[in-house]
Amino acid sequence: MALAQQRLYTEEDYYRLPENMRAELIDGQFYSQAAPSRTHQRILSDLHITIGQYIRSKGGSCEVYPAPFAVKLFEDDKTIVEPDISVICDPNKLTDKGCTGAPDWIIEIVSPGNPAHDYVRKLNLYLDAGVREYWIVDPMQGNIYVYHLVEEQFKMTSYTFQDEIKTGIYDDLCIDFKELGL
């Protein structure tokens, strides 16, 4: 939900937020982020570890970052998001503050308070920014929606927590959600 505001905010305002306040800046408006649930954090941790171990085992140039991790999607200073997991393969996009430009792969874990944020608002942002692969993991429904950017459109495939999912940005990484024990 957008916080009550009387003006458009910028990157400068975002970096002035108190450390204990979690919010994203989208089109000049702040959106608060509630503290994540234990289930949310377990999924985040398991996925982060799985992806990180894969990258290290392959000696890959990509890097994986869990939230909170600032991603400035566009050149303007009005949109900074904090995806649950960001995989960035271009080291030139990484800065001391986070990532500038579209990550190659983003995973969002749906929170019960505002599912439309991940399903609609962020889906459109990530499409516009050129994110190659976007996963929406929905623990309430037990579903994973995988979007691949193809010819400036996302192609979606749905899975359950009983499925093994092959990633699009790697030829040989499959994540077996059954093994995560969710």
N, C-alpha and C. Protein backbone atom coordinates (compact mmCIF):
# COMPACT_ATOMS: atom_id res chain seq x y z
N MET A 1 0.84 -1.16 0.00
CA MET A 1 0.00 0.00 0.00
C MET A 1 0.90 1.23 0.00
N ALA A 2 0.53 2.21 -0.80
CA ALA A 2 1.30 3.45 -0.86
C ALA A 2 1.11 4.22 0.44
N LEU A 3 2.18 4.81 0.90
CA LEU A 3 2.10 5.64 2.10
C LEU A 3 1.52 7.00 1.72
N ALA A 4 0.80 7.65 2.65
CA ALA A 4 0.23 8.96 2.37
C ALA A 4 1.37 9.94 2.04
N GLN A 5 1.22 10.64 0.92
CA GLN A 5 2.30 11.51 0.47
C GLN A 5 1.73 12.78 -0.15
N GLN A 6 2.54 13.80 -0.13
CA GLN A 6 2.09 15.06 -0.69
C GLN A 6 2.98 15.53 -1.84
N ARG A 7 3.96 14.72 -2.21
CA ARG A 7 4.86 15.13 -3.29
C ARG A 7 5.49 13.90 -3.91
N LEU A 8 6.25 14.09 -4.97
CA LEU A 8 7.02 13.00 -5.56
C LEU A 8 8.36 12.92 -4.85
N TYR A 9 8.76 11.71 -4.54
CA TYR A 9 10.02 11.49 -3.85
C TYR A 9 11.07 10.99 -4.84
N THR A 10 12.34 11.10 -4.44
CA THR A 10 13.45 10.73 -5.31
C THR A 10 14.40 9.77 -4.59
N GLU A 11 15.41 9.37 -5.34
CA GLU A 11 16.46 8.50 -4.80
C GLU A 11 17.08 9.11 -3.54
N GLU A 12 17.27 10.40 -3.54
CA GLU A 12 17.84 11.08 -2.37
C GLU A 12 16.97 10.86 -1.14
N ASP A 13 15.65 10.96 -1.30
CA ASP A 13 14.72 10.71 -0.18
C ASP A 13 14.79 9.25 0.28
N TYR A 14 14.91 8.34 -0.69
CA TYR A 14 14.99 6.92 -0.37
C TYR A 14 16.18 6.64 0.54
N TYR A 15 17.33 7.20 0.20
CA TYR A 15 18.54 6.93 0.98
C TYR A 15 18.57 7.70 2.30
N ARG A 16 17.61 8.58 2.52
CA ARG A 16 17.49 9.27 3.80
C ARG A 16 16.52 8.58 4.77
N LEU A 17 15.86 7.52 4.31
CA LEU A 17 14.93 6.81 5.20
C LEU A 17 15.69 6.24 6.39
N PRO A 18 15.05 6.18 7.55
CA PRO A 18 15.70 5.55 8.70
C PRO A 18 16.00 4.07 8.41
N GLU A 19 17.07 3.56 8.99
CA GLU A 19 17.48 2.18 8.71
C GLU A 19 16.41 1.16 9.07
N ASN A 20 15.59 1.46 10.06
CA ASN A 20 14.58 0.50 10.50
C ASN A 20 13.29 0.58 9.69
N MET A 21 13.23 1.44 8.67
CA MET A 21 12.03 1.57 7.84
C MET A 21 12.28 0.90 6.50
N ARG A 22 11.44 -0.08 6.17
CA ARG A 22 11.55 -0.77 4.88
C ARG A 22 10.49 -0.21 3.95
N ALA A 23 10.94 0.29 2.81
CA ALA A 23 10.02 0.85 1.82
C ALA A 23 10.68 0.77 0.45
N GLU A 24 9.84 0.79 -0.57
CA GLU A 24 10.31 0.86 -1.94
C GLU A 24 9.80 2.15 -2.54
N LEU A 25 10.58 2.68 -3.45
CA LEU A 25 10.22 3.91 -4.16
C LEU A 25 9.84 3.52 -5.58
N ILE A 26 8.58 3.73 -5.93
CA ILE A 26 8.09 3.37 -7.26
C ILE A 26 7.37 4.57 -7.86
N ASP A 27 7.89 5.06 -8.97
CA ASP A 27 7.32 6.23 -9.65
C ASP A 27 7.14 7.40 -8.70
N GLY A 28 8.14 7.61 -7.84
CA GLY A 28 8.12 8.77 -6.95
C GLY A 28 7.26 8.62 -5.71
N GLN A 29 6.71 7.43 -5.47
CA GLN A 29 5.88 7.19 -4.30
C GLN A 29 6.50 6.08 -3.45
N PHE A 30 6.42 6.24 -2.13
CA PHE A 30 6.93 5.21 -1.23
C PHE A 30 5.85 4.17 -0.95
N TYR A 31 6.26 2.91 -0.94
CA TYR A 31 5.39 1.80 -0.59
C TYR A 31 6.03 1.07 0.58
N SER A 32 5.31 1.00 1.69
CA SER A 32 5.87 0.37 2.88
C SER A 32 5.96 -1.13 2.69
N GLN A 33 6.89 -1.73 3.40
CA GLN A 33 7.06 -3.18 3.38
C GLN A 33 6.97 -3.68 4.81
N ALA A 34 6.02 -4.54 5.05
CA ALA A 34 5.86 -5.11 6.39
C ALA A 34 6.97 -6.12 6.65
N ALA A 35 7.20 -6.39 7.91
CA ALA A 35 8.18 -7.42 8.27
C ALA A 35 7.73 -8.76 7.68
N PRO A 36 8.65 -9.49 7.06
CA PRO A 36 8.28 -10.75 6.43
C PRO A 36 8.00 -11.84 7.47
N SER A 37 7.18 -12.82 7.07
CA SER A 37 6.85 -13.94 7.95
C SER A 37 8.02 -14.93 8.00
N ARG A 38 7.94 -15.85 8.92
CA ARG A 38 8.96 -16.90 9.05
C ARG A 38 8.99 -17.74 7.77
N THR A 39 7.82 -18.10 7.23
CA THR A 39 7.75 -18.89 6.00
C THR A 39 8.42 -18.14 4.85
N HIS A 40 8.13 -16.86 4.73
CA HIS A 40 8.75 -16.01 3.71
C HIS A 40 10.27 -16.08 3.83
N GLN A 41 10.77 -15.92 5.04
CA GLN A 41 12.22 -15.90 5.25
C GLN A 41 12.85 -17.27 4.99
N ARG A 42 12.14 -18.33 5.31
CA ARG A 42 12.66 -19.68 5.04
C ARG A 42 12.80 -19.90 3.54
N ILE A 43 11.78 -19.53 2.78
CA ILE A 43 11.83 -19.67 1.33
C ILE A 43 12.97 -18.82 0.77
N LEU A 44 13.06 -17.58 1.23
CA LEU A 44 14.12 -16.67 0.78
C LEU A 44 15.49 -17.27 1.07
N SER A 45 15.68 -17.76 2.26
CA SER A 45 16.97 -18.33 2.65
C SER A 45 17.32 -19.56 1.81
N ASP A 46 16.36 -20.48 1.66
CA ASP A 46 16.62 -21.70 0.89
C ASP A 46 16.95 -21.38 -0.57
N LEU A 47 16.20 -20.47 -1.18
CA LEU A 47 16.46 -20.12 -2.58
C LEU A 47 17.80 -19.39 -2.73
N HIS A 48 18.08 -18.48 -1.82
CA HIS A 48 19.35 -17.74 -1.85
C HIS A 48 20.53 -18.70 -1.75
N ILE A 49 20.47 -19.64 -0.82
CA ILE A 49 21.55 -20.61 -0.64
C ILE A 49 21.69 -21.49 -1.88
N THR A 50 20.58 -22.01 -2.40
CA THR A 50 20.61 -22.88 -3.58
C THR A 50 21.23 -22.18 -4.77
N ILE A 51 20.79 -20.96 -5.04
CA ILE A 51 21.30 -20.21 -6.19
C ILE A 51 22.77 -19.83 -5.97
N GLY A 52 23.09 -19.38 -4.77
CA GLY A 52 24.47 -19.00 -4.46
C GLY A 52 25.43 -20.17 -4.59
N GLN A 53 25.05 -21.35 -4.10
CA GLN A 53 25.91 -22.53 -4.21
C GLN A 53 26.10 -22.92 -5.67
N TYR A 54 25.03 -22.82 -6.46
CA TYR A 54 25.14 -23.13 -7.88
C TYR A 54 26.15 -22.18 -8.56
N ILE A 55 26.01 -20.90 -8.32
CA ILE A 55 26.90 -19.92 -8.95
C ILE A 55 28.35 -20.18 -8.55
N ARG A 56 28.59 -20.42 -7.26
CA ARG A 56 29.96 -20.68 -6.79
C ARG A 56 30.51 -21.97 -7.41
N SER A 57 29.68 -23.02 -7.51
CA SER A 57 30.16 -24.29 -8.05
C SER A 57 30.55 -24.17 -9.52
N LYS A 58 29.93 -23.24 -10.23
CA LYS A 58 30.21 -23.06 -11.66
C LYS A 58 31.29 -22.00 -11.91
N GLY A 59 31.67 -21.29 -10.84
CA GLY A 59 32.64 -20.21 -11.02
C GLY A 59 32.08 -19.10 -11.88
N GLY A 60 30.77 -18.91 -11.80
CA GLY A 60 30.10 -17.93 -12.65
C GLY A 60 30.35 -16.49 -12.24
N SER A 61 30.08 -15.60 -13.15
CA SER A 61 30.28 -14.17 -12.89
C SER A 61 29.05 -13.53 -12.25
N CYS A 62 27.93 -14.25 -12.23
CA CYS A 62 26.71 -13.69 -11.64
C CYS A 62 26.84 -13.64 -10.13
N GLU A 63 26.08 -12.73 -9.52
CA GLU A 63 26.03 -12.62 -8.07
C GLU A 63 24.58 -12.60 -7.64
N VAL A 64 24.30 -13.20 -6.47
CA VAL A 64 22.94 -13.27 -5.95
C VAL A 64 22.89 -12.47 -4.64
N TYR A 65 21.83 -11.66 -4.51
CA TYR A 65 21.65 -10.82 -3.33
C TYR A 65 20.23 -10.97 -2.79
N PRO A 66 20.11 -11.23 -1.47
CA PRO A 66 18.78 -11.25 -0.85
C PRO A 66 18.39 -9.85 -0.40
N ALA A 67 17.10 -9.66 -0.19
CA ALA A 67 16.62 -8.38 0.35
C ALA A 67 17.11 -8.24 1.80
N PRO A 68 17.30 -7.03 2.26
CA PRO A 68 17.14 -5.78 1.50
C PRO A 68 18.37 -5.49 0.64
N PHE A 69 18.13 -5.21 -0.62
CA PHE A 69 19.16 -4.90 -1.60
C PHE A 69 18.55 -3.95 -2.61
N ALA A 70 19.05 -2.74 -2.67
CA ALA A 70 18.46 -1.68 -3.50
C ALA A 70 18.75 -1.91 -4.98
N VAL A 71 17.68 -1.88 -5.78
CA VAL A 71 17.78 -2.03 -7.23
C VAL A 71 17.14 -0.80 -7.87
N LYS A 72 17.98 0.01 -8.48
CA LYS A 72 17.51 1.19 -9.22
C LYS A 72 17.30 0.73 -10.66
N LEU A 73 16.04 0.51 -11.02
CA LEU A 73 15.72 -0.11 -12.30
C LEU A 73 15.97 0.78 -13.50
N PHE A 74 15.75 2.08 -13.35
CA PHE A 74 15.78 3.00 -14.48
C PHE A 74 16.78 4.13 -14.23
N GLU A 75 17.08 4.87 -15.27
CA GLU A 75 18.00 6.00 -15.16
C GLU A 75 17.45 7.13 -14.29
N ASP A 76 16.11 7.25 -14.24
CA ASP A 76 15.55 8.32 -13.42
C ASP A 76 15.80 8.01 -11.94
N ASP A 77 15.46 8.94 -11.09
CA ASP A 77 15.72 8.75 -9.65
C ASP A 77 14.43 8.55 -8.87
N LYS A 78 13.41 7.98 -9.52
CA LYS A 78 12.10 7.86 -8.88
C LYS A 78 11.65 6.42 -8.61
N THR A 79 12.52 5.43 -8.91
CA THR A 79 12.14 4.04 -8.69
C THR A 79 13.34 3.23 -8.17
N ILE A 80 13.21 2.77 -6.92
CA ILE A 80 14.18 1.87 -6.32
C ILE A 80 13.39 0.79 -5.59
N VAL A 81 13.59 -0.46 -6.01
CA VAL A 81 12.88 -1.58 -5.41
C VAL A 81 13.86 -2.45 -4.62
N GLU A 82 13.31 -3.32 -3.80
CA GLU A 82 14.11 -4.26 -3.02
C GLU A 82 13.56 -5.66 -3.24
N PRO A 83 13.88 -6.28 -4.38
CA PRO A 83 13.38 -7.64 -4.63
C PRO A 83 13.85 -8.60 -3.54
N ASP A 84 13.08 -9.66 -3.33
CA ASP A 84 13.50 -10.64 -2.33
C ASP A 84 14.82 -11.28 -2.72
N ILE A 85 14.99 -11.60 -4.00
CA ILE A 85 16.25 -12.14 -4.51
C ILE A 85 16.54 -11.49 -5.85
N SER A 86 17.78 -11.03 -6.01
CA SER A 86 18.24 -10.44 -7.28
C SER A 86 19.48 -11.18 -7.73
N VAL A 87 19.49 -11.59 -9.00
CA VAL A 87 20.68 -12.20 -9.59
C VAL A 87 21.15 -11.25 -10.69
N ILE A 88 22.39 -10.79 -10.54
CA ILE A 88 22.96 -9.82 -11.48
C ILE A 88 24.18 -10.45 -12.12
N CYS A 89 24.21 -10.49 -13.45
CA CYS A 89 25.31 -11.12 -14.18
C CYS A 89 26.26 -10.11 -14.80
N ASP A 90 25.90 -8.85 -14.82
CA ASP A 90 26.76 -7.80 -15.36
C ASP A 90 27.37 -7.03 -14.19
N PRO A 91 28.66 -7.26 -13.91
CA PRO A 91 29.28 -6.59 -12.76
C PRO A 91 29.27 -5.06 -12.86
N ASN A 92 29.12 -4.54 -14.06
CA ASN A 92 29.07 -3.08 -14.23
C ASN A 92 27.81 -2.46 -13.64
N LYS A 93 26.79 -3.29 -13.37
CA LYS A 93 25.54 -2.80 -12.78
C LYS A 93 25.64 -2.68 -11.26
N LEU A 94 26.65 -3.28 -10.67
CA LEU A 94 26.77 -3.29 -9.21
C LEU A 94 27.50 -2.06 -8.71
N THR A 95 26.95 -1.45 -7.68
CA THR A 95 27.54 -0.28 -7.05
C THR A 95 27.60 -0.53 -5.54
N ASP A 96 28.18 0.39 -4.81
CA ASP A 96 28.20 0.28 -3.35
C ASP A 96 26.79 0.34 -2.77
N LYS A 97 25.87 0.97 -3.48
CA LYS A 97 24.50 1.11 -2.99
C LYS A 97 23.61 -0.06 -3.40
N GLY A 98 24.02 -0.86 -4.38
CA GLY A 98 23.18 -1.97 -4.84
C GLY A 98 23.39 -2.23 -6.31
N CYS A 99 22.30 -2.17 -7.06
CA CYS A 99 22.31 -2.46 -8.49
C CYS A 99 21.67 -1.30 -9.24
N THR A 100 22.30 -0.89 -10.34
CA THR A 100 21.72 0.12 -11.21
C THR A 100 21.45 -0.54 -12.56
N GLY A 101 20.18 -0.69 -12.88
CA GLY A 101 19.77 -1.38 -14.08
C GLY A 101 19.02 -2.66 -13.71
N ALA A 102 18.53 -3.34 -14.71
CA ALA A 102 17.71 -4.53 -14.49
C ALA A 102 18.57 -5.74 -14.14
N PRO A 103 18.27 -6.40 -13.01
CA PRO A 103 18.90 -7.70 -12.75
C PRO A 103 18.47 -8.70 -13.82
N ASP A 104 19.25 -9.76 -13.96
CA ASP A 104 18.90 -10.80 -14.93
C ASP A 104 17.74 -11.65 -14.44
N TRP A 105 17.67 -11.85 -13.12
CA TRP A 105 16.64 -12.73 -12.55
C TRP A 105 16.21 -12.14 -11.22
N ILE A 106 14.92 -12.02 -11.04
CA ILE A 106 14.35 -11.53 -9.77
C ILE A 106 13.34 -12.54 -9.27
N ILE A 107 13.38 -12.78 -7.96
CA ILE A 107 12.38 -13.62 -7.31
C ILE A 107 11.70 -12.78 -6.23
N GLU A 108 10.39 -12.75 -6.26
CA GLU A 108 9.59 -12.11 -5.22
C GLU A 108 8.76 -13.18 -4.52
N ILE A 109 8.71 -13.11 -3.20
CA ILE A 109 7.89 -14.01 -2.40
C ILE A 109 6.70 -13.21 -1.92
N VAL A 110 5.52 -13.64 -2.30
CA VAL A 110 4.29 -12.87 -2.05
C VAL A 110 4.00 -12.79 -0.55
N SER A 111 3.69 -11.58 -0.11
CA SER A 111 3.25 -11.36 1.27
C SER A 111 1.74 -11.28 1.28
N PRO A 112 1.10 -11.78 2.35
CA PRO A 112 -0.36 -11.80 2.37
C PRO A 112 -1.00 -10.42 2.37
N GLY A 113 -0.29 -9.41 2.85
CA GLY A 113 -0.87 -8.08 2.97
C GLY A 113 -1.10 -7.35 1.66
N ASN A 114 -0.32 -7.68 0.61
CA ASN A 114 -0.44 -6.91 -0.63
C ASN A 114 0.04 -7.72 -1.83
N PRO A 115 -0.67 -8.78 -2.20
CA PRO A 115 -0.21 -9.60 -3.33
C PRO A 115 -0.18 -8.86 -4.66
N ALA A 116 -1.03 -7.88 -4.85
CA ALA A 116 -1.07 -7.14 -6.12
C ALA A 116 0.25 -6.41 -6.38
N HIS A 117 0.97 -6.11 -5.33
CA HIS A 117 2.26 -5.43 -5.49
C HIS A 117 3.21 -6.28 -6.34
N ASP A 118 3.26 -7.59 -6.06
CA ASP A 118 4.15 -8.48 -6.81
C ASP A 118 3.53 -8.94 -8.12
N TYR A 119 2.23 -9.21 -8.11
CA TYR A 119 1.55 -9.76 -9.29
C TYR A 119 1.31 -8.72 -10.39
N VAL A 120 1.15 -7.47 -10.03
CA VAL A 120 0.80 -6.46 -11.04
C VAL A 120 1.86 -5.36 -11.12
N ARG A 121 2.01 -4.61 -10.04
CA ARG A 121 2.89 -3.43 -10.06
C ARG A 121 4.32 -3.83 -10.42
N LYS A 122 4.88 -4.81 -9.70
CA LYS A 122 6.27 -5.18 -9.96
C LYS A 122 6.42 -5.95 -11.27
N LEU A 123 5.46 -6.76 -11.62
CA LEU A 123 5.51 -7.46 -12.90
C LEU A 123 5.69 -6.45 -14.03
N ASN A 124 4.89 -5.41 -14.02
CA ASN A 124 4.98 -4.38 -15.07
C ASN A 124 6.30 -3.61 -15.00
N LEU A 125 6.75 -3.29 -13.79
CA LEU A 125 8.04 -2.60 -13.64
C LEU A 125 9.17 -3.44 -14.22
N TYR A 126 9.18 -4.72 -13.86
CA TYR A 126 10.27 -5.59 -14.30
C TYR A 126 10.23 -5.81 -15.81
N LEU A 127 9.05 -5.89 -16.38
CA LEU A 127 8.93 -6.00 -17.83
C LEU A 127 9.51 -4.74 -18.49
N ASP A 128 9.08 -3.58 -18.00
CA ASP A 128 9.55 -2.31 -18.57
C ASP A 128 11.07 -2.15 -18.43
N ALA A 129 11.63 -2.68 -17.33
CA ALA A 129 13.07 -2.52 -17.08
C ALA A 129 13.91 -3.51 -17.87
N GLY A 130 13.30 -4.62 -18.36
CA GLY A 130 14.04 -5.61 -19.13
C GLY A 130 14.61 -6.76 -18.31
N VAL A 131 14.01 -7.04 -17.14
CA VAL A 131 14.42 -8.21 -16.36
C VAL A 131 14.17 -9.45 -17.20
N ARG A 132 15.17 -10.31 -17.33
CA ARG A 132 15.05 -11.49 -18.21
C ARG A 132 14.15 -12.57 -17.64
N GLU A 133 14.15 -12.72 -16.33
CA GLU A 133 13.37 -13.79 -15.70
C GLU A 133 12.84 -13.28 -14.36
N TYR A 134 11.56 -13.52 -14.11
CA TYR A 134 10.90 -13.07 -12.88
C TYR A 134 10.07 -14.21 -12.32
N TRP A 135 10.32 -14.58 -11.07
CA TRP A 135 9.55 -15.62 -10.39
C TRP A 135 8.72 -14.98 -9.29
N ILE A 136 7.46 -15.35 -9.23
CA ILE A 136 6.60 -14.98 -8.11
C ILE A 136 6.32 -16.27 -7.33
N VAL A 137 6.80 -16.33 -6.11
CA VAL A 137 6.60 -17.49 -5.26
C VAL A 137 5.49 -17.13 -4.28
N ASP A 138 4.40 -17.88 -4.33
CA ASP A 138 3.23 -17.57 -3.50
C ASP A 138 3.00 -18.69 -2.47
N PRO A 139 3.50 -18.50 -1.23
CA PRO A 139 3.37 -19.54 -0.22
C PRO A 139 1.92 -19.81 0.20
N MET A 140 1.04 -18.84 0.09
CA MET A 140 -0.35 -19.03 0.49
C MET A 140 -1.06 -19.99 -0.48
N GLN A 141 -0.74 -19.88 -1.76
CA GLN A 141 -1.35 -20.74 -2.79
C GLN A 141 -0.52 -21.97 -3.11
N GLY A 142 0.75 -21.96 -2.71
CA GLY A 142 1.64 -23.06 -3.05
C GLY A 142 2.01 -23.09 -4.51
N ASN A 143 2.07 -21.89 -5.13
CA ASN A 143 2.37 -21.78 -6.57
C ASN A 143 3.60 -20.93 -6.81
N ILE A 144 4.22 -21.20 -7.95
CA ILE A 144 5.32 -20.39 -8.44
C ILE A 144 4.98 -20.02 -9.87
N TYR A 145 5.03 -18.74 -10.18
CA TYR A 145 4.77 -18.25 -11.53
C TYR A 145 6.09 -17.76 -12.10
N VAL A 146 6.50 -18.35 -13.21
CA VAL A 146 7.78 -18.03 -13.81
C VAL A 146 7.52 -17.26 -15.11
N TYR A 147 8.10 -16.08 -15.17
CA TYR A 147 7.95 -15.20 -16.34
C TYR A 147 9.31 -15.07 -17.02
N HIS A 148 9.34 -15.31 -18.33
CA HIS A 148 10.55 -15.11 -19.13
C HIS A 148 10.27 -13.98 -20.11
N LEU A 149 11.21 -13.05 -20.20
CA LEU A 149 11.07 -11.95 -21.15
C LEU A 149 11.43 -12.45 -22.54
N VAL A 150 10.45 -12.42 -23.43
CA VAL A 150 10.64 -12.85 -24.82
C VAL A 150 10.03 -11.77 -25.71
N GLU A 151 10.88 -11.17 -26.55
CA GLU A 151 10.42 -10.13 -27.48
C GLU A 151 9.58 -9.07 -26.77
N GLU A 152 10.12 -8.53 -25.69
CA GLU A 152 9.50 -7.44 -24.91
C GLU A 152 8.16 -7.81 -24.29
N GLN A 153 7.93 -9.11 -24.08
CA GLN A 153 6.74 -9.59 -23.37
C GLN A 153 7.17 -10.71 -22.44
N PHE A 154 6.47 -10.81 -21.30
CA PHE A 154 6.71 -11.93 -20.40
C PHE A 154 5.86 -13.11 -20.84
N LYS A 155 6.48 -14.28 -20.94
CA LYS A 155 5.77 -15.54 -21.17
C LYS A 155 5.73 -16.25 -19.83
N MET A 156 4.54 -16.62 -19.36
CA MET A 156 4.38 -17.17 -18.02
C MET A 156 4.09 -18.66 -18.04
N THR A 157 4.72 -19.37 -17.10
CA THR A 157 4.44 -20.78 -16.84
C THR A 157 4.21 -20.91 -15.34
N SER A 158 3.20 -21.70 -14.94
CA SER A 158 2.93 -21.85 -13.51
C SER A 158 3.35 -23.24 -13.03
N TYR A 159 3.79 -23.29 -11.78
CA TYR A 159 4.25 -24.50 -11.13
C TYR A 159 3.67 -24.55 -9.72
N THR A 160 3.87 -25.71 -9.06
CA THR A 160 3.46 -25.84 -7.66
C THR A 160 4.70 -26.12 -6.82
N PHE A 161 4.50 -26.19 -5.51
CA PHE A 161 5.60 -26.49 -4.61
C PHE A 161 6.00 -27.97 -4.69
N GLN A 162 5.39 -28.73 -5.58
CA GLN A 162 5.75 -30.12 -5.80
C GLN A 162 6.60 -30.29 -7.06
N ASP A 163 6.90 -29.19 -7.74
CA ASP A 163 7.58 -29.25 -9.03
C ASP A 163 9.06 -28.89 -8.93
N GLU A 164 9.77 -29.35 -9.96
CA GLU A 164 11.15 -28.93 -10.19
C GLU A 164 11.11 -27.91 -11.32
N ILE A 165 11.78 -26.78 -11.13
CA ILE A 165 11.71 -25.70 -12.11
C ILE A 165 13.10 -25.43 -12.68
N LYS A 166 13.19 -25.47 -14.00
CA LYS A 166 14.44 -25.13 -14.68
C LYS A 166 14.49 -23.62 -14.86
N THR A 167 15.63 -23.06 -14.50
CA THR A 167 15.77 -21.62 -14.67
C THR A 167 16.03 -21.28 -16.13
N GLY A 168 15.69 -20.07 -16.50
CA GLY A 168 15.87 -19.63 -17.87
C GLY A 168 17.24 -19.03 -18.13
N ILE A 169 17.87 -18.45 -17.10
CA ILE A 169 19.14 -17.78 -17.36
C ILE A 169 20.33 -18.73 -17.27
N TYR A 170 20.09 -19.96 -16.78
CA TYR A 170 21.15 -20.98 -16.71
C TYR A 170 20.67 -22.23 -17.45
N ASP A 171 21.60 -22.90 -18.11
CA ASP A 171 21.24 -24.11 -18.86
C ASP A 171 21.00 -25.31 -17.96
N ASP A 172 21.64 -25.35 -16.80
CA ASP A 172 21.60 -26.59 -16.01
C ASP A 172 21.23 -26.38 -14.54
N LEU A 173 20.53 -25.31 -14.21
CA LEU A 173 20.07 -25.11 -12.84
C LEU A 173 18.58 -25.38 -12.76
N CYS A 174 18.23 -26.39 -11.97
CA CYS A 174 16.84 -26.70 -11.69
C CYS A 174 16.66 -26.60 -10.17
N ILE A 175 15.56 -26.01 -9.76
CA ILE A 175 15.26 -25.90 -8.34
C ILE A 175 14.05 -26.78 -8.05
N ASP A 176 14.26 -27.77 -7.19
CA ASP A 176 13.23 -28.72 -6.83
C ASP A 176 12.55 -28.22 -5.55
N PHE A 177 11.34 -27.71 -5.69
CA PHE A 177 10.65 -27.15 -4.54
C PHE A 177 10.26 -28.23 -3.52
N LYS A 178 10.11 -29.48 -3.96
CA LYS A 178 9.85 -30.57 -3.01
C LYS A 178 11.01 -30.71 -2.03
N GLU A 179 12.24 -30.55 -2.53
CA GLU A 179 13.42 -30.67 -1.68
C GLU A 179 13.51 -29.54 -0.66
N LEU A 180 12.86 -28.43 -0.93
CA LEU A 180 12.88 -27.32 0.03
C LEU A 180 12.01 -27.60 1.24
N GLY A 181 11.17 -28.61 1.14
CA GLY A 181 10.35 -29.02 2.28
C GLY A 181 9.29 -28.02 2.68
N LEU A 182 8.73 -27.36 1.71
CA LEU A 182 7.70 -26.37 2.00
C LEU A 182 6.39 -27.06 2.05
